[in-house]
Amino acid sequence: MIERYIAAHVHRELKLDELSERFHISKYYLIHLFNKVFDVSPIQYHQRIRLERAKNMIRHTLMPLQEIADQLGFSGIHAFSRAFKKKVGVSPAGFRKEFRNEPRKELGR
C-alpha cells in the first residue's frame, strides 16, 4: 500500500514525516520495513521510482529535460541532473543520446 502511494506521488517530493503520518506508522519502523523489503529507505525507494520514470520519459519522448525534471517534482534541472547521474552513471542528456535512434512519442500530449 505504501509503495503504491509512493508510485502515485512520483511527481513531487515526499517526506518521511508525511508517509509516517499518512500510514500511522513510526518513521523508524517505516524505514526498518523498507530496508527489510527493498534494501533502501522509503525516500530512496521514491527516488528510485522517480529516476526509472525519468529514464522511460527520456527514452520514449522528445520532452525537454527541464520539463521531465518539473513533471517529476525535482527542484530544478541541476538537482535532477545530479540525482540522475549519481544513480544512472551518465547525465540525462548523455542517456538520451544513447537512445536517440529509438522511436519516441510524446507522453501526456
PDB file of N, CA and C in Angstrom:
ATOM      1  N   MET A   1       0.825  -1.189   0.000  1.00  0.00           N
ATOM      2  CA  MET A   1       0.000   0.000   0.000  1.00  0.00           C
ATOM      3  C   MET A   1       0.872   1.258   0.000  1.00  0.00           C
ATOM      4  N   ILE A   2       1.908   1.283   0.795  1.00  0.00           N
ATOM      5  CA  ILE A   2       2.793   2.441   0.842  1.00  0.00           C
ATOM      6  C   ILE A   2       3.540   2.586  -0.481  1.00  0.00           C
ATOM      7  N   GLU A   3       3.944   1.448  -1.073  1.00  0.00           N
ATOM      8  CA  GLU A   3       4.642   1.510  -2.364  1.00  0.00           C
ATOM      9  C   GLU A   3       3.753   2.137  -3.429  1.00  0.00           C
ATOM     10  N   ARG A   4       2.463   1.794  -3.417  1.00  0.00           N
ATOM     11  CA  ARG A   4       1.525   2.375  -4.398  1.00  0.00           C
ATOM     12  C   ARG A   4       1.382   3.879  -4.185  1.00  0.00           C
ATOM     13  N   TYR A   5       1.340   4.289  -2.939  1.00  0.00           N
ATOM     14  CA  TYR A   5       1.239   5.721  -2.646  1.00  0.00           C
ATOM     15  C   TYR A   5       2.478   6.451  -3.173  1.00  0.00           C
ATOM     16  N   ILE A   6       3.634   5.872  -2.934  1.00  0.00           N
ATOM     17  CA  ILE A   6       4.878   6.480  -3.406  1.00  0.00           C
ATOM     18  C   ILE A   6       4.869   6.567  -4.929  1.00  0.00           C
ATOM     19  N   ALA A   7       4.482   5.486  -5.593  1.00  0.00           N
ATOM     20  CA  ALA A   7       4.436   5.481  -7.060  1.00  0.00           C
ATOM     21  C   ALA A   7       3.422   6.491  -7.593  1.00  0.00           C
ATOM     22  N   ALA A   8       2.315   6.651  -6.905  1.00  0.00           N
ATOM     23  CA  ALA A   8       1.285   7.603  -7.337  1.00  0.00           C
ATOM     24  C   ALA A   8       1.714   9.053  -7.124  1.00  0.00           C
ATOM     25  N   HIS A   9       2.711   9.269  -6.259  1.00  0.00           N
ATOM     26  CA  HIS A   9       3.175  10.619  -5.967  1.00  0.00           C
ATOM     27  C   HIS A   9       4.613  10.833  -6.440  1.00  0.00           C
ATOM     28  N   VAL A  10       4.949  10.177  -7.520  1.00  0.00           N
ATOM     29  CA  VAL A  10       6.297  10.267  -8.092  1.00  0.00           C
ATOM     30  C   VAL A  10       6.578  11.673  -8.621  1.00  0.00           C
ATOM     31  N   HIS A  11       5.548  12.430  -8.873  1.00  0.00           N
ATOM     32  CA  HIS A  11       5.656  13.756  -9.472  1.00  0.00           C
ATOM     33  C   HIS A  11       6.029  14.858  -8.467  1.00  0.00           C
ATOM     34  N   ARG A  12       6.291  14.488  -7.226  1.00  0.00           N
ATOM     35  CA  ARG A  12       6.633  15.516  -6.244  1.00  0.00           C
ATOM     36  C   ARG A  12       7.535  14.933  -5.167  1.00  0.00           C
ATOM     37  N   GLU A  13       8.112  15.831  -4.395  1.00  0.00           N
ATOM     38  CA  GLU A  13       8.938  15.417  -3.259  1.00  0.00           C
ATOM     39  C   GLU A  13       8.042  14.773  -2.209  1.00  0.00           C
ATOM     40  N   LEU A  14       8.542  13.755  -1.568  1.00  0.00           N
ATOM     41  CA  LEU A  14       7.854  13.149  -0.438  1.00  0.00           C
ATOM     42  C   LEU A  14       8.770  13.234   0.776  1.00  0.00           C
ATOM     43  N   LYS A  15       8.180  13.427   1.906  1.00  0.00           N
ATOM     44  CA  LYS A  15       8.927  13.487   3.164  1.00  0.00           C
ATOM     45  C   LYS A  15       8.569  12.271   4.012  1.00  0.00           C
ATOM     46  N   LEU A  16       9.518  11.824   4.776  1.00  0.00           N
ATOM     47  CA  LEU A  16       9.301  10.691   5.661  1.00  0.00           C
ATOM     48  C   LEU A  16       8.190  10.983   6.667  1.00  0.00           C
ATOM     49  N   ASP A  17       8.137  12.207   7.161  1.00  0.00           N
ATOM     50  CA  ASP A  17       7.080  12.593   8.097  1.00  0.00           C
ATOM     51  C   ASP A  17       5.693  12.431   7.473  1.00  0.00           C
ATOM     52  N   GLU A  18       5.571  12.815   6.214  1.00  0.00           N
ATOM     53  CA  GLU A  18       4.292  12.693   5.506  1.00  0.00           C
ATOM     54  C   GLU A  18       3.861  11.224   5.426  1.00  0.00           C
ATOM     55  N   LEU A  19       4.780  10.351   5.046  1.00  0.00           N
ATOM     56  CA  LEU A  19       4.457   8.928   4.938  1.00  0.00           C
ATOM     57  C   LEU A  19       4.099   8.346   6.305  1.00  0.00           C
ATOM     58  N   SER A  20       4.864   8.726   7.299  1.00  0.00           N
ATOM     59  CA  SER A  20       4.633   8.242   8.654  1.00  0.00           C
ATOM     60  C   SER A  20       3.243   8.636   9.151  1.00  0.00           C
ATOM     61  N   GLU A  21       2.878   9.890   8.964  1.00  0.00           N
ATOM     62  CA  GLU A  21       1.568  10.372   9.400  1.00  0.00           C
ATOM     63  C   GLU A  21       0.437   9.738   8.599  1.00  0.00           C
ATOM     64  N   ARG A  22       0.607   9.674   7.307  1.00  0.00           N
ATOM     65  CA  ARG A  22      -0.444   9.145   6.422  1.00  0.00           C
ATOM     66  C   ARG A  22      -0.769   7.686   6.733  1.00  0.00           C
ATOM     67  N   PHE A  23       0.264   6.902   7.027  1.00  0.00           N
ATOM     68  CA  PHE A  23       0.055   5.474   7.240  1.00  0.00           C
ATOM     69  C   PHE A  23       0.107   5.064   8.716  1.00  0.00           C
ATOM     70  N   HIS A  24       0.141   6.069   9.595  1.00  0.00           N
ATOM     71  CA  HIS A  24       0.072   5.830  11.048  1.00  0.00           C
ATOM     72  C   HIS A  24       1.105   4.801  11.507  1.00  0.00           C
ATOM     73  N   ILE A  25       2.337   5.081  11.133  1.00  0.00           N
ATOM     74  CA  ILE A  25       3.440   4.191  11.479  1.00  0.00           C
ATOM     75  C   ILE A  25       4.638   5.067  11.828  1.00  0.00           C
ATOM     76  N   SER A  26       5.427   4.655  12.775  1.00  0.00           N
ATOM     77  CA  SER A  26       6.573   5.494  13.143  1.00  0.00           C
ATOM     78  C   SER A  26       7.578   5.552  11.992  1.00  0.00           C
ATOM     79  N   LYS A  27       8.284   6.656  11.923  1.00  0.00           N
ATOM     80  CA  LYS A  27       9.299   6.826  10.875  1.00  0.00           C
ATOM     81  C   LYS A  27      10.341   5.718  10.948  1.00  0.00           C
ATOM     82  N   TYR A  28      10.725   5.378  12.135  1.00  0.00           N
ATOM     83  CA  TYR A  28      11.790   4.392  12.322  1.00  0.00           C
ATOM     84  C   TYR A  28      11.347   2.997  11.896  1.00  0.00           C
ATOM     85  N   TYR A  29      10.093   2.658  12.206  1.00  0.00           N
ATOM     86  CA  TYR A  29       9.581   1.359  11.793  1.00  0.00           C
ATOM     87  C   TYR A  29       9.380   1.324  10.275  1.00  0.00           C
ATOM     88  N   LEU A  30       8.942   2.425   9.715  1.00  0.00           N
ATOM     89  CA  LEU A  30       8.772   2.531   8.263  1.00  0.00           C
ATOM     90  C   LEU A  30      10.108   2.320   7.551  1.00  0.00           C
ATOM     91  N   ILE A  31      11.139   2.958   8.045  1.00  0.00           N
ATOM     92  CA  ILE A  31      12.478   2.777   7.472  1.00  0.00           C
ATOM     93  C   ILE A  31      12.913   1.322   7.609  1.00  0.00           C
ATOM     94  N   HIS A  32      12.678   0.761   8.779  1.00  0.00           N
ATOM     95  CA  HIS A  32      13.038  -0.642   9.025  1.00  0.00           C
ATOM     96  C   HIS A  32      12.337  -1.567   8.023  1.00  0.00           C
ATOM     97  N   LEU A  33      11.044  -1.367   7.832  1.00  0.00           N
ATOM     98  CA  LEU A  33      10.293  -2.215   6.899  1.00  0.00           C
ATOM     99  C   LEU A  33      10.808  -2.087   5.470  1.00  0.00           C
ATOM    100  N   PHE A  34      11.027  -0.874   5.026  1.00  0.00           N
ATOM    101  CA  PHE A  34      11.510  -0.669   3.654  1.00  0.00           C
ATOM    102  C   PHE A  34      12.899  -1.257   3.467  1.00  0.00           C
ATOM    103  N   ASN A  35      13.756  -1.077   4.456  1.00  0.00           N
ATOM    104  CA  ASN A  35      15.093  -1.658   4.352  1.00  0.00           C
ATOM    105  C   ASN A  35      15.022  -3.185   4.285  1.00  0.00           C
ATOM    106  N   LYS A  36      14.109  -3.749   5.021  1.00  0.00           N
ATOM    107  CA  LYS A  36      13.950  -5.201   5.037  1.00  0.00           C
ATOM    108  C   LYS A  36      13.429  -5.722   3.692  1.00  0.00           C
ATOM    109  N   VAL A  37      12.464  -5.034   3.114  1.00  0.00           N
ATOM    110  CA  VAL A  37      11.824  -5.498   1.880  1.00  0.00           C
ATOM    111  C   VAL A  37      12.572  -5.047   0.624  1.00  0.00           C
ATOM    112  N   PHE A  38      13.008  -3.786   0.578  1.00  0.00           N
ATOM    113  CA  PHE A  38      13.576  -3.216  -0.645  1.00  0.00           C
ATOM    114  C   PHE A  38      15.071  -2.907  -0.556  1.00  0.00           C
ATOM    115  N   ASP A  39      15.666  -3.080   0.607  1.00  0.00           N
ATOM    116  CA  ASP A  39      17.078  -2.747   0.843  1.00  0.00           C
ATOM    117  C   ASP A  39      17.386  -1.263   0.679  1.00  0.00           C
ATOM    118  N   VAL A  40      16.376  -0.429   0.783  1.00  0.00           N
ATOM    119  CA  VAL A  40      16.544   1.030   0.743  1.00  0.00           C
ATOM    120  C   VAL A  40      15.487   1.663   1.647  1.00  0.00           C
ATOM    121  N   SER A  41      15.701   2.920   2.009  1.00  0.00           N
ATOM    122  CA  SER A  41      14.711   3.648   2.798  1.00  0.00           C
ATOM    123  C   SER A  41      13.529   4.032   1.900  1.00  0.00           C
ATOM    124  N   PRO A  42      12.409   4.452   2.499  1.00  0.00           N
ATOM    125  CA  PRO A  42      11.267   4.885   1.684  1.00  0.00           C
ATOM    126  C   PRO A  42      11.617   6.045   0.745  1.00  0.00           C
ATOM    127  N   ILE A  43      12.452   6.964   1.204  1.00  0.00           N
ATOM    128  CA  ILE A  43      12.822   8.104   0.380  1.00  0.00           C
ATOM    129  C   ILE A  43      13.738   7.659  -0.762  1.00  0.00           C
ATOM    130  N   GLN A  44      14.643   6.744  -0.492  1.00  0.00           N
ATOM    131  CA  GLN A  44      15.486   6.198  -1.562  1.00  0.00           C
ATOM    132  C   GLN A  44      14.643   5.418  -2.563  1.00  0.00           C
ATOM    133  N   TYR A  45      13.641   4.707  -2.079  1.00  0.00           N
ATOM    134  CA  TYR A  45      12.720   3.983  -2.966  1.00  0.00           C
ATOM    135  C   TYR A  45      11.984   4.975  -3.868  1.00  0.00           C
ATOM    136  N   HIS A  46      11.510   6.055  -3.283  1.00  0.00           N
ATOM    137  CA  HIS A  46      10.818   7.101  -4.057  1.00  0.00           C
ATOM    138  C   HIS A  46      11.740   7.667  -5.135  1.00  0.00           C
ATOM    139  N   GLN A  47      12.974   7.941  -4.769  1.00  0.00           N
ATOM    140  CA  GLN A  47      13.950   8.467  -5.727  1.00  0.00           C
ATOM    141  C   GLN A  47      14.194   7.453  -6.849  1.00  0.00           C
ATOM    142  N   ARG A  48      14.273   6.179  -6.493  1.00  0.00           N
ATOM    143  CA  ARG A  48      14.478   5.130  -7.498  1.00  0.00           C
ATOM    144  C   ARG A  48      13.323   5.121  -8.503  1.00  0.00           C
ATOM    145  N   ILE A  49      12.095   5.212  -8.002  1.00  0.00           N
ATOM    146  CA  ILE A  49      10.910   5.216  -8.868  1.00  0.00           C
ATOM    147  C   ILE A  49      10.917   6.449  -9.768  1.00  0.00           C
ATOM    148  N   ARG A  50      11.253   7.601  -9.206  1.00  0.00           N
ATOM    149  CA  ARG A  50      11.308   8.838  -9.997  1.00  0.00           C
ATOM    150  C   ARG A  50      12.332   8.724 -11.120  1.00  0.00           C
ATOM    151  N   LEU A  51      13.491   8.171 -10.811  1.00  0.00           N
ATOM    152  CA  LEU A  51      14.538   8.073 -11.822  1.00  0.00           C
ATOM    153  C   LEU A  51      14.212   7.018 -12.875  1.00  0.00           C
ATOM    154  N   GLU A  52      13.530   5.967 -12.504  1.00  0.00           N
ATOM    155  CA  GLU A  52      13.073   4.988 -13.502  1.00  0.00           C
ATOM    156  C   GLU A  52      12.061   5.635 -14.446  1.00  0.00           C
ATOM    157  N   ARG A  53      11.156   6.421 -13.883  1.00  0.00           N
ATOM    158  CA  ARG A  53      10.184   7.146 -14.709  1.00  0.00           C
ATOM    159  C   ARG A  53      10.912   8.124 -15.622  1.00  0.00           C
ATOM    160  N   ALA A  54      11.915   8.805 -15.094  1.00  0.00           N
ATOM    161  CA  ALA A  54      12.698   9.746 -15.902  1.00  0.00           C
ATOM    162  C   ALA A  54      13.378   9.019 -17.058  1.00  0.00           C
ATOM    163  N   LYS A  55      13.976   7.868 -16.792  1.00  0.00           N
ATOM    164  CA  LYS A  55      14.631   7.100 -17.850  1.00  0.00           C
ATOM    165  C   LYS A  55      13.642   6.743 -18.955  1.00  0.00           C
ATOM    166  N   ASN A  56      12.442   6.329 -18.579  1.00  0.00           N
ATOM    167  CA  ASN A  56      11.424   5.998 -19.578  1.00  0.00           C
ATOM    168  C   ASN A  56      11.010   7.219 -20.386  1.00  0.00           C
ATOM    169  N   MET A  57      10.854   8.349 -19.713  1.00  0.00           N
ATOM    170  CA  MET A  57      10.464   9.576 -20.411  1.00  0.00           C
ATOM    171  C   MET A  57      11.566  10.031 -21.367  1.00  0.00           C
ATOM    172  N   ILE A  58      12.802   9.918 -20.944  1.00  0.00           N
ATOM    173  CA  ILE A  58      13.928  10.311 -21.797  1.00  0.00           C
ATOM    174  C   ILE A  58      14.007   9.395 -23.004  1.00  0.00           C
ATOM    175  N   ARG A  59      13.840   8.106 -22.791  1.00  0.00           N
ATOM    176  CA  ARG A  59      13.914   7.125 -23.880  1.00  0.00           C
ATOM    177  C   ARG A  59      12.809   7.294 -24.901  1.00  0.00           C
ATOM    178  N   HIS A  60      11.604   7.553 -24.420  1.00  0.00           N
ATOM    179  CA  HIS A  60      10.432   7.412 -25.281  1.00  0.00           C
ATOM    180  C   HIS A  60       9.688   8.702 -25.593  1.00  0.00           C
ATOM    181  N   THR A  61      10.257   9.837 -25.230  1.00  0.00           N
ATOM    182  CA  THR A  61       9.611  11.108 -25.575  1.00  0.00           C
ATOM    183  C   THR A  61      10.659  12.080 -26.090  1.00  0.00           C
ATOM    184  N   LEU A  62      10.182  13.164 -26.613  1.00  0.00           N
ATOM    185  CA  LEU A  62      11.054  14.269 -27.027  1.00  0.00           C
ATOM    186  C   LEU A  62      10.955  15.430 -26.043  1.00  0.00           C
ATOM    187  N   MET A  63      10.360  15.176 -24.876  1.00  0.00           N
ATOM    188  CA  MET A  63      10.207  16.225 -23.871  1.00  0.00           C
ATOM    189  C   MET A  63      11.555  16.799 -23.483  1.00  0.00           C
ATOM    190  N   PRO A  64      11.638  18.107 -23.343  1.00  0.00           N
ATOM    191  CA  PRO A  64      12.877  18.703 -22.834  1.00  0.00           C
ATOM    192  C   PRO A  64      13.183  18.179 -21.425  1.00  0.00           C
ATOM    193  N   LEU A  65      14.455  18.075 -21.121  1.00  0.00           N
ATOM    194  CA  LEU A  65      14.871  17.560 -19.812  1.00  0.00           C
ATOM    195  C   LEU A  65      14.320  18.416 -18.673  1.00  0.00           C
ATOM    196  N   GLN A  66      14.245  19.718 -18.872  1.00  0.00           N
ATOM    197  CA  GLN A  66      13.676  20.608 -17.857  1.00  0.00           C
ATOM    198  C   GLN A  66      12.235  20.229 -17.559  1.00  0.00           C
ATOM    199  N   GLU A  67      11.467  19.924 -18.586  1.00  0.00           N
ATOM    200  CA  GLU A  67      10.070  19.555 -18.396  1.00  0.00           C
ATOM    201  C   GLU A  67       9.952  18.221 -17.659  1.00  0.00           C
ATOM    202  N   ILE A  68      10.826  17.279 -17.983  1.00  0.00           N
ATOM    203  CA  ILE A  68      10.839  15.998 -17.273  1.00  0.00           C
ATOM    204  C   ILE A  68      11.149  16.235 -15.800  1.00  0.00           C
ATOM    205  N   ALA A  69      12.152  17.053 -15.530  1.00  0.00           N
ATOM    206  CA  ALA A  69      12.506  17.373 -14.145  1.00  0.00           C
ATOM    207  C   ALA A  69      11.317  18.003 -13.419  1.00  0.00           C
ATOM    208  N   ASP A  70      10.633  18.938 -14.093  1.00  0.00           N
ATOM    209  CA  ASP A  70       9.470  19.595 -13.493  1.00  0.00           C
ATOM    210  C   ASP A  70       8.352  18.597 -13.216  1.00  0.00           C
ATOM    211  N   GLN A  71       8.065  17.745 -14.179  1.00  0.00           N
ATOM    212  CA  GLN A  71       6.968  16.779 -14.023  1.00  0.00           C
ATOM    213  C   GLN A  71       7.241  15.769 -12.911  1.00  0.00           C
ATOM    214  N   LEU A  72       8.502  15.515 -12.641  1.00  0.00           N
ATOM    215  CA  LEU A  72       8.844  14.543 -11.602  1.00  0.00           C
ATOM    216  C   LEU A  72       9.155  15.210 -10.268  1.00  0.00           C
ATOM    217  N   GLY A  73       8.917  16.518 -10.184  1.00  0.00           N
ATOM    218  CA  GLY A  73       8.996  17.213  -8.906  1.00  0.00           C
ATOM    219  C   GLY A  73      10.384  17.539  -8.411  1.00  0.00           C
ATOM    220  N   PHE A  74      11.370  17.537  -9.300  1.00  0.00           N
ATOM    221  CA  PHE A  74      12.707  17.953  -8.880  1.00  0.00           C
ATOM    222  C   PHE A  74      12.730  19.462  -8.738  1.00  0.00           C
ATOM    223  N   SER A  75      13.559  19.959  -7.852  1.00  0.00           N
ATOM    224  CA  SER A  75      13.590  21.396  -7.581  1.00  0.00           C
ATOM    225  C   SER A  75      14.157  22.193  -8.747  1.00  0.00           C
ATOM    226  N   GLY A  76      14.840  21.548  -9.635  1.00  0.00           N
ATOM    227  CA  GLY A  76      15.394  22.205 -10.815  1.00  0.00           C
ATOM    228  C   GLY A  76      16.149  21.207 -11.665  1.00  0.00           C
ATOM    229  N   ILE A  77      16.573  21.671 -12.824  1.00  0.00           N
ATOM    230  CA  ILE A  77      17.284  20.799 -13.756  1.00  0.00           C
ATOM    231  C   ILE A  77      18.613  20.325 -13.172  1.00  0.00           C
ATOM    232  N   HIS A  78      19.265  21.162 -12.382  1.00  0.00           N
ATOM    233  CA  HIS A  78      20.555  20.766 -11.812  1.00  0.00           C
ATOM    234  C   HIS A  78      20.387  19.655 -10.766  1.00  0.00           C
ATOM    235  N   ALA A  79      19.370  19.777  -9.925  1.00  0.00           N
ATOM    236  CA  ALA A  79      19.099  18.729  -8.940  1.00  0.00           C
ATOM    237  C   ALA A  79      18.738  17.424  -9.647  1.00  0.00           C
ATOM    238  N   PHE A  80      17.943  17.531 -10.696  1.00  0.00           N
ATOM    239  CA  PHE A  80      17.574  16.355 -11.484  1.00  0.00           C
ATOM    240  C   PHE A  80      18.810  15.719 -12.117  1.00  0.00           C
ATOM    241  N   SER A  81      19.633  16.529 -12.752  1.00  0.00           N
ATOM    242  CA  SER A  81      20.834  16.015 -13.422  1.00  0.00           C
ATOM    243  C   SER A  81      21.797  15.355 -12.438  1.00  0.00           C
ATOM    244  N   ARG A  82      21.998  15.979 -11.276  1.00  0.00           N
ATOM    245  CA  ARG A  82      22.880  15.401 -10.257  1.00  0.00           C
ATOM    246  C   ARG A  82      22.363  14.050  -9.780  1.00  0.00           C
ATOM    247  N   ALA A  83      21.066  13.994  -9.451  1.00  0.00           N
ATOM    248  CA  ALA A  83      20.477  12.741  -8.961  1.00  0.00           C
ATOM    249  C   ALA A  83      20.531  11.661 -10.040  1.00  0.00           C
ATOM    250  N   PHE A  84      20.246  12.043 -11.269  1.00  0.00           N
ATOM    251  CA  PHE A  84      20.242  11.088 -12.376  1.00  0.00           C
ATOM    252  C   PHE A  84      21.638  10.534 -12.603  1.00  0.00           C
ATOM    253  N   LYS A  85      22.622  11.423 -12.680  1.00  0.00           N
ATOM    254  CA  LYS A  85      23.990  10.982 -12.941  1.00  0.00           C
ATOM    255  C   LYS A  85      24.530  10.124 -11.797  1.00  0.00           C
ATOM    256  N   LYS A  86      24.180  10.487 -10.575  1.00  0.00           N
ATOM    257  CA  LYS A  86      24.646   9.720  -9.416  1.00  0.00           C
ATOM    258  C   LYS A  86      24.110   8.290  -9.463  1.00  0.00           C
ATOM    259  N   LYS A  87      22.864   8.130  -9.850  1.00  0.00           N
ATOM    260  CA  LYS A  87      22.234   6.807  -9.839  1.00  0.00           C
ATOM    261  C   LYS A  87      22.478   6.028 -11.129  1.00  0.00           C
ATOM    262  N   VAL A  88      22.424   6.694 -12.274  1.00  0.00           N
ATOM    263  CA  VAL A  88      22.499   6.008 -13.567  1.00  0.00           C
ATOM    264  C   VAL A  88      23.930   5.953 -14.098  1.00  0.00           C
ATOM    265  N   GLY A  89      24.753   6.913 -13.678  1.00  0.00           N
ATOM    266  CA  GLY A  89      26.147   6.912 -14.102  1.00  0.00           C
ATOM    267  C   GLY A  89      26.425   7.754 -15.332  1.00  0.00           C
ATOM    268  N   VAL A  90      25.401   8.380 -15.862  1.00  0.00           N
ATOM    269  CA  VAL A  90      25.527   9.248 -17.028  1.00  0.00           C
ATOM    270  C   VAL A  90      24.493  10.365 -16.876  1.00  0.00           C
ATOM    271  N   SER A  91      24.768  11.509 -17.464  1.00  0.00           N
ATOM    272  CA  SER A  91      23.825  12.628 -17.377  1.00  0.00           C
ATOM    273  C   SER A  91      22.553  12.299 -18.158  1.00  0.00           C
ATOM    274  N   PRO A  92      21.449  12.994 -17.856  1.00  0.00           N
ATOM    275  CA  PRO A  92      20.227  12.777 -18.633  1.00  0.00           C
ATOM    276  C   PRO A  92      20.442  13.024 -20.134  1.00  0.00           C
ATOM    277  N   ALA A  93      21.217  14.050 -20.463  1.00  0.00           N
ATOM    278  CA  ALA A  93      21.488  14.341 -21.882  1.00  0.00           C
ATOM    279  C   ALA A  93      22.297  13.211 -22.515  1.00  0.00           C
ATOM    280  N   GLY A  94      23.279  12.707 -21.809  1.00  0.00           N
ATOM    281  CA  GLY A  94      24.067  11.582 -22.308  1.00  0.00           C
ATOM    282  C   GLY A  94      23.222  10.330 -22.454  1.00  0.00           C
ATOM    283  N   PHE A  95      22.327  10.112 -21.511  1.00  0.00           N
ATOM    284  CA  PHE A  95      21.425   8.965 -21.580  1.00  0.00           C
ATOM    285  C   PHE A  95      20.534   9.078 -22.813  1.00  0.00           C
ATOM    286  N   ARG A  96      20.028  10.278 -23.069  1.00  0.00           N
ATOM    287  CA  ARG A  96      19.165  10.486 -24.240  1.00  0.00           C
ATOM    288  C   ARG A  96      19.938  10.207 -25.525  1.00  0.00           C
ATOM    289  N   LYS A  97      21.183  10.635 -25.597  1.00  0.00           N
ATOM    290  CA  LYS A  97      21.983  10.398 -26.795  1.00  0.00           C
ATOM    291  C   LYS A  97      22.127   8.912 -27.085  1.00  0.00           C
ATOM    292  N   GLU A  98      22.233   8.108 -26.034  1.00  0.00           N
ATOM    293  CA  GLU A  98      22.361   6.661 -26.210  1.00  0.00           C
ATOM    294  C   GLU A  98      21.136   6.067 -26.899  1.00  0.00           C
ATOM    295  N   PHE A  99      19.995   6.702 -26.722  1.00  0.00           N
ATOM    296  CA  PHE A  99      18.737   6.168 -27.253  1.00  0.00           C
ATOM    297  C   PHE A  99      18.146   7.028 -28.362  1.00  0.00           C
ATOM    298  N   ARG A 100      18.928   7.916 -28.939  1.00  0.00           N
ATOM    299  CA  ARG A 100      18.371   8.854 -29.928  1.00  0.00           C
ATOM    300  C   ARG A 100      17.877   8.173 -31.194  1.00  0.00           C
ATOM    301  N   ASN A 101      18.325   6.984 -31.489  1.00  0.00           N
ATOM    302  CA  ASN A 101      17.881   6.294 -32.699  1.00  0.00           C
ATOM    303  C   ASN A 101      16.625   5.461 -32.481  1.00  0.00           C
ATOM    304  N   GLU A 102      16.189   5.338 -31.226  1.00  0.00           N
ATOM    305  CA  GLU A 102      14.952   4.609 -30.959  1.00  0.00           C
ATOM    306  C   GLU A 102      13.761   5.513 -31.249  1.00  0.00           C
ATOM    307  N   PRO A 103      12.650   4.933 -31.728  1.00  0.00           N
ATOM    308  CA  PRO A 103      11.444   5.747 -31.949  1.00  0.00           C
ATOM    309  C   PRO A 103      10.925   6.291 -30.629  1.00  0.00           C
ATOM    310  N   ARG A 104      10.407   7.506 -30.654  1.00  0.00           N
ATOM    311  CA  ARG A 104       9.882   8.152 -29.446  1.00  0.00           C
ATOM    312  C   ARG A 104       8.497   8.678 -29.709  1.00  0.00           C
ATOM    313  N   LYS A 105       7.761   8.886 -28.653  1.00  0.00           N
ATOM    314  CA  LYS A 105       6.455   9.515 -28.740  1.00  0.00           C
ATOM    315  C   LYS A 105       6.325  10.481 -27.573  1.00  0.00           C
ATOM    316  N   GLU A 106       5.451  11.438 -27.705  1.00  0.00           N
ATOM    317  CA  GLU A 106       5.220  12.401 -26.639  1.00  0.00           C
ATOM    318  C   GLU A 106       4.290  11.800 -25.596  1.00  0.00           C
ATOM    319  N   LEU A 107       4.654  11.870 -24.318  1.00  0.00           N
ATOM    320  CA  LEU A 107       3.792  11.421 -23.246  1.00  0.00           C
ATOM    321  C   LEU A 107       2.918  12.566 -22.776  1.00  0.00           C
ATOM    322  N   GLY A 108       1.660  12.279 -22.543  1.00  0.00           N
ATOM    323  CA  GLY A 108       0.759  13.264 -21.952  1.00  0.00           C
ATOM    324  C   GLY A 108       0.455  14.447 -22.841  1.00  0.00           C
ATOM    325  N   ARG A 109       0.633  14.299 -24.092  1.00  0.00           N
ATOM    326  CA  ARG A 109       0.315  15.408 -25.008  1.00  0.00           C
ATOM    327  C   ARG A 109      -0.668  14.960 -26.046  1.00  0.00           C
TER     328      ARG A 109
END
